Amino acid sequence: MTTKKQFDPVDAQIAYLRKGAAEIIREEDLRAKLESSAKTGKPLRVKLGVDPTAPDLHLGHTVVLRKLKHFQDLGHTAIFLVGDFTAMVGDPTGQSETRPPLTPEQVDANAKTYLEQVYKILNKENTEVRYNSEWLGKLTGHDMIRLCAHYRLARMLEREDFRSRLAGNLPIAIHELLYPLLQAYDSVALEADVELGATEQKFNLLVGRDIQRTYRPRHDSPVRALSPGAHAGARGFSFAPRGKSAHRDSRASLSIVASL
């Protein structure tokens, strides 16, 4: 007979998870998920996705990794997602121009050191590691059309990065519009209950909220919590200078996101 897993009281979990988070979208939904988890004994599936666009994780990654560890400490399932497919698309967040797409060789080279760094924070034995090429690389043309049909162009162009480019008469590539949808589909494929992300990722995370609701209509809306934002550099947002190891910098900031 399987013994039902025991968790800390929900109020204690909420208080612990709230620390360092700038925003939880929505906290009442997160509470409901934790209450359901406590009743069923089933851990929440908590996702953190990182695109391997550079060889080292930076400080912003360390912050959300620590929050992922907090969920892990509470007995929930930590999912570290390597965005090997989305890295070849390029996240438009904070970009004033289109990112040059990375090659598969560049992505593979950058990803090699990620797990070694991640396991300095996460418990290796209790971490589920996935690569989004597992499902995104298998999407057919029909699948992509279906995915795109679930979101409106007008809403996509509401994001600050795109509005700024339109106002400045700067180009926006079609593949950049796909990035938030692909990231959202990651959560569908992983059946994520919780997502983690920094404040500059809020638009992408909210797209995920909508897409999960579409693909999983019997579930409640996803919950998301966000950390204080980062500073913007010439190549976008980061919490530490490019190439500087997160584990050698004492500054920190954090975000949390919970999904369907």
C-alpha atoms as a PDB file:
ATOM      1  CA  MET A   1       0.000   0.000   0.000  1.00  0.00           C
ATOM      2  CA  THR A   2       1.377   3.391  -1.014  1.00  0.00           C
ATOM      3  CA  THR A   3       1.799   5.885   1.818  1.00  0.00           C
ATOM      4  CA  LYS A   4       0.381   9.340   1.080  1.00  0.00           C
ATOM      5  CA  LYS A   5       3.105  11.972   1.036  1.00  0.00           C
ATOM      6  CA  GLN A   6       2.951  14.485   3.883  1.00  0.00           C
ATOM      7  CA  PHE A   7       3.601  18.209   3.357  1.00  0.00           C
ATOM      8  CA  ASP A   8       4.023  21.180   5.682  1.00  0.00           C
ATOM      9  CA  PRO A   9       0.833  23.145   6.480  1.00  0.00           C
ATOM     10  CA  VAL A  10      -0.271  25.263   3.519  1.00  0.00           C
ATOM     11  CA  ASP A  11       0.118  28.558   5.420  1.00  0.00           C
ATOM     12  CA  ALA A  12       3.713  27.653   6.263  1.00  0.00           C
ATOM     13  CA  GLN A  13       4.444  26.733   2.631  1.00  0.00           C
ATOM     14  CA  ILE A  14       2.927  29.992   1.356  1.00  0.00           C
ATOM     15  CA  ALA A  15       4.942  32.051   3.834  1.00  0.00           C
ATOM     16  CA  TYR A  16       8.152  30.281   2.822  1.00  0.00           C
ATOM     17  CA  LEU A  17       7.501  30.608  -0.906  1.00  0.00           C
ATOM     18  CA  ARG A  18       6.403  34.237  -0.667  1.00  0.00           C
ATOM     19  CA  LYS A  19       9.844  35.327   0.547  1.00  0.00           C
ATOM     20  CA  GLY A  20      11.715  37.229  -2.160  1.00  0.00           C
ATOM     21  CA  ALA A  21       8.855  37.088  -4.671  1.00  0.00           C
ATOM     22  CA  ALA A  22       7.721  40.385  -6.162  1.00  0.00           C
ATOM     23  CA  GLU A  23       4.385  39.012  -7.336  1.00  0.00           C
ATOM     24  CA  ILE A  24       2.360  35.804  -7.271  1.00  0.00           C
ATOM     25  CA  ILE A  25      -0.184  35.427 -10.042  1.00  0.00           C
ATOM     26  CA  ARG A  26      -2.428  34.500  -8.331  1.00  0.00           C
ATOM     27  CA  GLU A  27      -1.687  33.687  -4.727  1.00  0.00           C
ATOM     28  CA  GLU A  28      -5.157  32.291  -4.099  1.00  0.00           C
ATOM     29  CA  ASP A  29      -4.652  29.852  -6.982  1.00  0.00           C
ATOM     30  CA  LEU A  30      -1.289  28.780  -5.592  1.00  0.00           C
ATOM     31  CA  ARG A  31      -2.936  28.210  -2.219  1.00  0.00           C
ATOM     32  CA  ALA A  32      -5.634  26.070  -3.863  1.00  0.00           C
ATOM     33  CA  LYS A  33      -2.969  23.974  -5.590  1.00  0.00           C
ATOM     34  CA  LEU A  34      -1.060  23.484  -2.357  1.00  0.00           C
ATOM     35  CA  GLU A  35      -4.275  22.503  -0.559  1.00  0.00           C
ATOM     36  CA  SER A  36      -5.078  19.984  -3.289  1.00  0.00           C
ATOM     37  CA  SER A  37      -1.535  18.650  -3.094  1.00  0.00           C
ATOM     38  CA  ALA A  38      -1.849  18.213   0.664  1.00  0.00           C
ATOM     39  CA  LYS A  39      -5.144  16.312   0.302  1.00  0.00           C
ATOM     40  CA  THR A  40      -3.955  13.969  -2.458  1.00  0.00           C
ATOM     41  CA  GLY A  41      -0.354  13.592  -1.318  1.00  0.00           C
ATOM     42  CA  LYS A  42       0.738  14.418  -4.864  1.00  0.00           C
ATOM     43  CA  PRO A  43       3.639  16.895  -5.173  1.00  0.00           C
ATOM     44  CA  LEU A  44       3.267  19.929  -7.413  1.00  0.00           C
ATOM     45  CA  ARG A  45       5.313  19.929 -10.616  1.00  0.00           C
ATOM     46  CA  VAL A  46       7.450  23.086 -10.538  1.00  0.00           C
ATOM     47  CA  LYS A  47       9.154  24.223 -13.740  1.00  0.00           C
ATOM     48  CA  LEU A  48      12.068  26.531 -14.373  1.00  0.00           C
ATOM     49  CA  GLY A  49      13.085  26.930 -18.014  1.00  0.00           C
ATOM     50  CA  VAL A  50      16.452  28.323 -19.089  1.00  0.00           C
ATOM     51  CA  ASP A  51      17.656  28.857 -22.658  1.00  0.00           C
ATOM     52  CA  PRO A  52      21.365  27.986 -23.024  1.00  0.00           C
ATOM     53  CA  THR A  53      22.304  31.221 -24.818  1.00  0.00           C
ATOM     54  CA  ALA A  54      25.636  31.556 -22.958  1.00  0.00           C
ATOM     55  CA  PRO A  55      28.074  29.076 -21.363  1.00  0.00           C
ATOM     56  CA  ASP A  56      27.399  30.218 -17.780  1.00  0.00           C
ATOM     57  CA  LEU A  57      24.255  30.733 -15.761  1.00  0.00           C
ATOM     58  CA  HIS A  58      24.070  34.333 -14.528  1.00  0.00           C
ATOM     59  CA  LEU A  59      22.881  35.776 -11.224  1.00  0.00           C
ATOM     60  CA  GLY A  60      19.233  35.964 -12.247  1.00  0.00           C
ATOM     61  CA  HIS A  61      19.235  32.227 -12.842  1.00  0.00           C
ATOM     62  CA  THR A  62      20.697  31.610  -9.391  1.00  0.00           C
ATOM     63  CA  VAL A  63      17.845  33.494  -7.770  1.00  0.00           C
ATOM     64  CA  VAL A  64      15.081  31.484  -9.414  1.00  0.00           C
ATOM     65  CA  LEU A  65      17.054  28.283  -8.925  1.00  0.00           C
ATOM     66  CA  ARG A  66      17.037  28.950  -5.189  1.00  0.00           C
ATOM     67  CA  LYS A  67      13.274  29.351  -5.277  1.00  0.00           C
ATOM     68  CA  LEU A  68      13.013  26.086  -7.204  1.00  0.00           C
ATOM     69  CA  LYS A  69      15.088  24.548  -4.405  1.00  0.00           C
ATOM     70  CA  HIS A  70      12.585  25.953  -1.893  1.00  0.00           C
ATOM     71  CA  PHE A  71       9.795  24.021  -3.622  1.00  0.00           C
ATOM     72  CA  GLN A  72      12.061  20.978  -3.685  1.00  0.00           C
ATOM     73  CA  ASP A  73      12.712  21.340   0.051  1.00  0.00           C
ATOM     74  CA  LEU A  74       8.948  21.354   0.620  1.00  0.00           C
ATOM     75  CA  GLY A  75       8.634  17.999  -1.144  1.00  0.00           C
ATOM     76  CA  HIS A  76       7.483  19.143  -4.593  1.00  0.00           C
ATOM     77  CA  THR A  77       8.948  18.039  -7.939  1.00  0.00           C
ATOM     78  CA  ALA A  78      11.604  20.376  -9.339  1.00  0.00           C
ATOM     79  CA  ILE A  79      11.807  20.425 -13.141  1.00  0.00           C
ATOM     80  CA  PHE A  80      14.841  22.099 -14.694  1.00  0.00           C
ATOM     81  CA  LEU A  81      14.033  22.661 -18.357  1.00  0.00           C
ATOM     82  CA  VAL A  82      16.876  23.291 -20.804  1.00  0.00           C
ATOM     83  CA  GLY A  83      15.421  25.351 -23.666  1.00  0.00           C
ATOM     84  CA  ASP A  84      17.602  23.857 -26.372  1.00  0.00           C
ATOM     85  CA  PHE A  85      14.876  24.381 -28.996  1.00  0.00           C
ATOM     86  CA  THR A  86      13.733  27.848 -27.898  1.00  0.00           C
ATOM     87  CA  ALA A  87      17.367  29.011 -27.719  1.00  0.00           C
ATOM     88  CA  MET A  88      17.495  28.582 -31.493  1.00  0.00           C
ATOM     89  CA  VAL A  89      14.431  30.853 -31.798  1.00  0.00           C
ATOM     90  CA  GLY A  90      15.638  33.581 -29.427  1.00  0.00           C
ATOM     91  CA  ASP A  91      13.680  35.268 -26.624  1.00  0.00           C
ATOM     92  CA  PRO A  92      12.665  38.802 -27.752  1.00  0.00           C
ATOM     93  CA  THR A  93      12.303  39.978 -24.135  1.00  0.00           C
ATOM     94  CA  GLY A  94      14.164  43.251 -23.649  1.00  0.00           C
ATOM     95  CA  GLN A  95      15.450  43.214 -27.205  1.00  0.00           C
ATOM     96  CA  SER A  96      15.456  46.324 -29.385  1.00  0.00           C
ATOM     97  CA  GLU A  97      16.428  44.214 -32.385  1.00  0.00           C
ATOM     98  CA  THR A  98      16.022  40.615 -33.537  1.00  0.00           C
ATOM     99  CA  ARG A  99      18.417  38.189 -31.856  1.00  0.00           C
ATOM    100  CA  PRO A 100      20.581  36.217 -34.297  1.00  0.00           C
ATOM    101  CA  PRO A 101      19.352  32.601 -33.943  1.00  0.00           C
ATOM    102  CA  LEU A 102      21.875  30.235 -32.372  1.00  0.00           C
ATOM    103  CA  THR A 103      22.980  27.102 -34.198  1.00  0.00           C
ATOM    104  CA  PRO A 104      22.414  23.640 -32.675  1.00  0.00           C
ATOM    105  CA  GLU A 105      26.177  23.395 -32.154  1.00  0.00           C
ATOM    106  CA  GLN A 106      26.256  26.666 -30.190  1.00  0.00           C
ATOM    107  CA  VAL A 107      23.306  25.589 -28.055  1.00  0.00           C
ATOM    108  CA  ASP A 108      24.870  22.185 -27.279  1.00  0.00           C
ATOM    109  CA  ALA A 109      28.180  23.789 -26.325  1.00  0.00           C
ATOM    110  CA  ASN A 110      26.463  26.271 -23.988  1.00  0.00           C
ATOM    111  CA  ALA A 111      24.284  23.627 -22.349  1.00  0.00           C
ATOM    112  CA  LYS A 112      27.178  21.340 -21.394  1.00  0.00           C
ATOM    113  CA  THR A 113      28.092  23.243 -18.231  1.00  0.00           C
ATOM    114  CA  TYR A 114      24.531  24.060 -17.112  1.00  0.00           C
ATOM    115  CA  LEU A 115      23.750  20.935 -15.113  1.00  0.00           C
ATOM    116  CA  GLU A 116      27.066  21.061 -13.302  1.00  0.00           C
ATOM    117  CA  GLN A 117      26.188  24.580 -12.145  1.00  0.00           C
ATOM    118  CA  VAL A 118      22.539  23.762 -11.406  1.00  0.00           C
ATOM    119  CA  TYR A 119      23.421  20.888  -9.087  1.00  0.00           C
ATOM    120  CA  LYS A 120      25.339  23.276  -6.850  1.00  0.00           C
ATOM    121  CA  ILE A 121      21.885  24.445  -5.749  1.00  0.00           C
ATOM    122  CA  LEU A 122      19.392  21.681  -6.569  1.00  0.00           C
ATOM    123  CA  ASN A 123      19.334  18.140  -5.232  1.00  0.00           C
ATOM    124  CA  LYS A 124      20.440  16.039  -8.208  1.00  0.00           C
ATOM    125  CA  GLU A 125      18.536  12.909  -7.210  1.00  0.00           C
ATOM    126  CA  ASN A 126      15.243  14.812  -6.891  1.00  0.00           C
ATOM    127  CA  THR A 127      15.526  17.008  -9.988  1.00  0.00           C
ATOM    128  CA  GLU A 128      13.759  16.185 -13.243  1.00  0.00           C
ATOM    129  CA  VAL A 129      15.849  17.478 -16.155  1.00  0.00           C
ATOM    130  CA  ARG A 130      14.157  17.900 -19.538  1.00  0.00           C
ATOM    131  CA  TYR A 131      14.973  19.452 -22.931  1.00  0.00           C
ATOM    132  CA  ASN A 132      12.174  21.173 -24.851  1.00  0.00           C
ATOM    133  CA  SER A 133      13.381  19.767 -28.173  1.00  0.00           C
ATOM    134  CA  GLU A 134      11.740  16.542 -26.913  1.00  0.00           C
ATOM    135  CA  TRP A 135       8.308  17.930 -27.875  1.00  0.00           C
ATOM    136  CA  LEU A 136       8.884  21.182 -29.785  1.00  0.00           C
ATOM    137  CA  GLY A 137      11.091  19.408 -32.300  1.00  0.00           C
ATOM    138  CA  LYS A 138       8.238  17.010 -33.033  1.00  0.00           C
ATOM    139  CA  LEU A 139       5.500  19.599 -33.653  1.00  0.00           C
ATOM    140  CA  THR A 140       4.044  19.324 -37.134  1.00  0.00           C
ATOM    141  CA  GLY A 141       2.893  22.225 -39.287  1.00  0.00           C
ATOM    142  CA  HIS A 142      -0.654  21.410 -38.219  1.00  0.00           C
ATOM    143  CA  ASP A 143       0.374  21.514 -34.552  1.00  0.00           C
ATOM    144  CA  MET A 144       1.982  24.932 -35.013  1.00  0.00           C
ATOM    145  CA  ILE A 145      -1.088  26.341 -36.744  1.00  0.00           C
ATOM    146  CA  ARG A 146      -3.276  25.048 -33.918  1.00  0.00           C
ATOM    147  CA  LEU A 147      -0.972  26.592 -31.317  1.00  0.00           C
ATOM    148  CA  CYS A 148      -0.883  29.969 -33.070  1.00  0.00           C
ATOM    149  CA  ALA A 149      -4.668  29.957 -33.469  1.00  0.00           C
ATOM    150  CA  HIS A 150      -5.058  30.142 -29.683  1.00  0.00           C
ATOM    151  CA  TYR A 151      -3.548  33.629 -29.379  1.00  0.00           C
ATOM    152  CA  ARG A 152      -4.368  36.995 -30.951  1.00  0.00           C
ATOM    153  CA  LEU A 153      -1.813  39.120 -32.788  1.00  0.00           C
ATOM    154  CA  ALA A 154      -3.155  42.306 -31.178  1.00  0.00           C
ATOM    155  CA  ARG A 155      -2.432  40.900 -27.718  1.00  0.00           C
ATOM    156  CA  MET A 156       1.027  39.756 -28.759  1.00  0.00           C
ATOM    157  CA  LEU A 157       1.851  43.253 -30.005  1.00  0.00           C
ATOM    158  CA  GLU A 158       0.830  44.712 -26.645  1.00  0.00           C
ATOM    159  CA  ARG A 159       4.127  43.598 -25.130  1.00  0.00           C
ATOM    160  CA  GLU A 160       6.430  46.521 -24.461  1.00  0.00           C
ATOM    161  CA  ASP A 161       9.322  45.189 -26.541  1.00  0.00           C
ATOM    162  CA  PHE A 162       7.187  44.934 -29.674  1.00  0.00           C
ATOM    163  CA  ARG A 163       5.337  48.213 -29.087  1.00  0.00           C
ATOM    164  CA  SER A 164       8.642  50.041 -28.767  1.00  0.00           C
ATOM    165  CA  ARG A 165       9.919  48.567 -31.995  1.00  0.00           C
ATOM    166  CA  LEU A 166       6.732  49.406 -33.864  1.00  0.00           C
ATOM    167  CA  ALA A 167       6.861  52.973 -32.559  1.00  0.00           C
ATOM    168  CA  GLY A 168      10.461  53.248 -33.730  1.00  0.00           C
ATOM    169  CA  ASN A 169       9.669  51.665 -37.096  1.00  0.00           C
ATOM    170  CA  LEU A 170      12.012  48.787 -36.263  1.00  0.00           C
ATOM    171  CA  PRO A 171      11.469  45.292 -37.702  1.00  0.00           C
ATOM    172  CA  ILE A 172       9.896  42.376 -35.854  1.00  0.00           C
ATOM    173  CA  ALA A 173      10.559  38.914 -37.270  1.00  0.00           C
ATOM    174  CA  ILE A 174       7.684  36.415 -37.376  1.00  0.00           C
ATOM    175  CA  HIS A 175       9.658  33.804 -35.442  1.00  0.00           C
ATOM    176  CA  GLU A 176       9.946  36.236 -32.508  1.00  0.00           C
ATOM    177  CA  LEU A 177       6.160  36.168 -32.166  1.00  0.00           C
ATOM    178  CA  LEU A 178       6.350  32.395 -31.805  1.00  0.00           C
ATOM    179  CA  TYR A 179       8.689  32.431 -28.814  1.00  0.00           C
ATOM    180  CA  PRO A 180       6.079  33.077 -26.064  1.00  0.00           C
ATOM    181  CA  LEU A 181       3.815  30.413 -27.598  1.00  0.00           C
ATOM    182  CA  LEU A 182       6.584  27.821 -27.674  1.00  0.00           C
ATOM    183  CA  GLN A 183       7.538  28.605 -24.085  1.00  0.00           C
ATOM    184  CA  ALA A 184       3.879  28.269 -23.136  1.00  0.00           C
ATOM    185  CA  TYR A 185       3.664  24.885 -24.836  1.00  0.00           C
ATOM    186  CA  ASP A 186       6.548  23.691 -22.653  1.00  0.00           C
ATOM    187  CA  SER A 187       4.256  23.993 -19.650  1.00  0.00           C
ATOM    188  CA  VAL A 188       1.518  22.063 -21.432  1.00  0.00           C
ATOM    189  CA  ALA A 189       3.932  19.254 -22.348  1.00  0.00           C
ATOM    190  CA  LEU A 190       5.372  19.077 -18.829  1.00  0.00           C
ATOM    191  CA  GLU A 191       1.967  19.376 -17.128  1.00  0.00           C
ATOM    192  CA  ALA A 192       3.515  22.031 -14.916  1.00  0.00           C
ATOM    193  CA  ASP A 193       1.699  23.193 -11.809  1.00  0.00           C
ATOM    194  CA  VAL A 194       4.154  25.962 -11.015  1.00  0.00           C
ATOM    195  CA  GLU A 195       6.487  28.057 -13.171  1.00  0.00           C
ATOM    196  CA  LEU A 196       9.310  30.319 -12.080  1.00  0.00           C
ATOM    197  CA  GLY A 197      10.413  33.449 -13.887  1.00  0.00           C
ATOM    198  CA  ALA A 198      11.835  36.929 -13.433  1.00  0.00           C
ATOM    199  CA  THR A 199       9.699  40.051 -13.781  1.00  0.00           C
ATOM    200  CA  GLU A 200      10.842  40.752 -17.335  1.00  0.00           C
ATOM    201  CA  GLN A 201       9.405  37.344 -18.244  1.00  0.00           C
ATOM    202  CA  LYS A 202       5.911  38.292 -17.082  1.00  0.00           C
ATOM    203  CA  PHE A 203       4.463  38.616 -20.587  1.00  0.00           C
ATOM    204  CA  ASN A 204       5.785  35.190 -21.616  1.00  0.00           C
ATOM    205  CA  LEU A 205       4.460  33.666 -18.416  1.00  0.00           C
ATOM    206  CA  LEU A 206       1.007  35.162 -18.863  1.00  0.00           C
ATOM    207  CA  VAL A 207       0.869  33.812 -22.412  1.00  0.00           C
ATOM    208  CA  GLY A 208       1.595  30.440 -20.855  1.00  0.00           C
ATOM    209  CA  ARG A 209      -1.318  30.971 -18.486  1.00  0.00           C
ATOM    210  CA  ASP A 210      -3.681  31.485 -21.428  1.00  0.00           C
ATOM    211  CA  ILE A 211      -2.313  28.602 -23.508  1.00  0.00           C
ATOM    212  CA  GLN A 212      -2.502  26.140 -20.625  1.00  0.00           C
ATOM    213  CA  ARG A 213      -6.100  27.138 -20.028  1.00  0.00           C
ATOM    214  CA  THR A 214      -6.821  26.369 -23.690  1.00  0.00           C
ATOM    215  CA  TYR A 215      -5.084  23.002 -23.787  1.00  0.00           C
ATOM    216  CA  ARG A 216      -6.175  21.964 -20.294  1.00  0.00           C
ATOM    217  CA  PRO A 217      -9.655  23.543 -19.927  1.00  0.00           C
ATOM    218  CA  ARG A 218     -10.671  21.476 -16.914  1.00  0.00           C
ATOM    219  CA  HIS A 219      -7.884  22.976 -14.812  1.00  0.00           C
ATOM    220  CA  ASP A 220      -7.883  26.302 -13.014  1.00  0.00           C
ATOM    221  CA  SER A 221      -5.779  29.165 -14.326  1.00  0.00           C
ATOM    222  CA  PRO A 222      -2.046  28.893 -13.674  1.00  0.00           C
ATOM    223  CA  VAL A 223      -0.510  30.875 -10.857  1.00  0.00           C
ATOM    224  CA  ARG A 224       2.626  32.954 -11.301  1.00  0.00           C
ATOM    225  CA  ALA A 225       4.896  34.867  -8.960  1.00  0.00           C
ATOM    226  CA  LEU A 226       7.568  37.293 -10.048  1.00  0.00           C
ATOM    227  CA  SER A 227      10.722  38.764  -8.611  1.00  0.00           C
ATOM    228  CA  PRO A 228      12.142  42.272  -8.768  1.00  0.00           C
ATOM    229  CA  GLY A 229      13.438  43.046 -12.231  1.00  0.00           C
ATOM    230  CA  ALA A 230      16.956  43.201 -13.578  1.00  0.00           C
ATOM    231  CA  HIS A 231      18.973  45.839 -15.318  1.00  0.00           C
ATOM    232  CA  ALA A 232      19.008  45.951 -19.103  1.00  0.00           C
ATOM    233  CA  GLY A 233      22.187  45.592 -21.083  1.00  0.00           C
ATOM    234  CA  ALA A 234      22.830  45.978 -24.790  1.00  0.00           C
ATOM    235  CA  ARG A 235      21.800  42.361 -25.384  1.00  0.00           C
ATOM    236  CA  GLY A 236      18.825  42.373 -23.037  1.00  0.00           C
ATOM    237  CA  PHE A 237      18.122  41.745 -19.390  1.00  0.00           C
ATOM    238  CA  SER A 238      20.411  40.073 -16.923  1.00  0.00           C
ATOM    239  CA  PHE A 239      21.090  40.209 -13.205  1.00  0.00           C
ATOM    240  CA  ALA A 240      24.842  40.026 -13.646  1.00  0.00           C
ATOM    241  CA  PRO A 241      27.287  40.913 -16.415  1.00  0.00           C
ATOM    242  CA  ARG A 242      27.444  38.439 -19.265  1.00  0.00           C
ATOM    243  CA  GLY A 243      29.963  35.674 -18.703  1.00  0.00           C
ATOM    244  CA  LYS A 244      30.173  36.298 -14.938  1.00  0.00           C
ATOM    245  CA  SER A 245      29.343  33.198 -12.970  1.00  0.00           C
ATOM    246  CA  ALA A 246      26.249  33.541 -10.804  1.00  0.00           C
ATOM    247  CA  HIS A 247      27.895  31.546  -8.055  1.00  0.00           C
ATOM    248  CA  ARG A 248      30.604  34.156  -7.635  1.00  0.00           C
ATOM    249  CA  ASP A 249      28.320  37.161  -7.181  1.00  0.00           C
ATOM    250  CA  SER A 250      26.547  37.968  -3.923  1.00  0.00           C
ATOM    251  CA  ARG A 251      23.755  40.141  -5.386  1.00  0.00           C
ATOM    252  CA  ALA A 252      20.413  38.441  -5.804  1.00  0.00           C
ATOM    253  CA  SER A 253      16.808  38.857  -6.928  1.00  0.00           C
ATOM    254  CA  LEU A 254      14.034  36.303  -7.259  1.00  0.00           C
ATOM    255  CA  SER A 255      10.874  35.236  -9.100  1.00  0.00           C
ATOM    256  CA  ILE A 256       8.280  32.475  -8.849  1.00  0.00           C
ATOM    257  CA  VAL A 257       5.517  31.311 -11.169  1.00  0.00           C
ATOM    258  CA  ALA A 258       2.855  28.698 -10.667  1.00  0.00           C
ATOM    259  CA  SER A 259       0.881  27.139 -13.508  1.00  0.00           C
ATOM    260  CA  LEU A 260      -2.059  24.875 -14.166  1.00  0.00           C
END
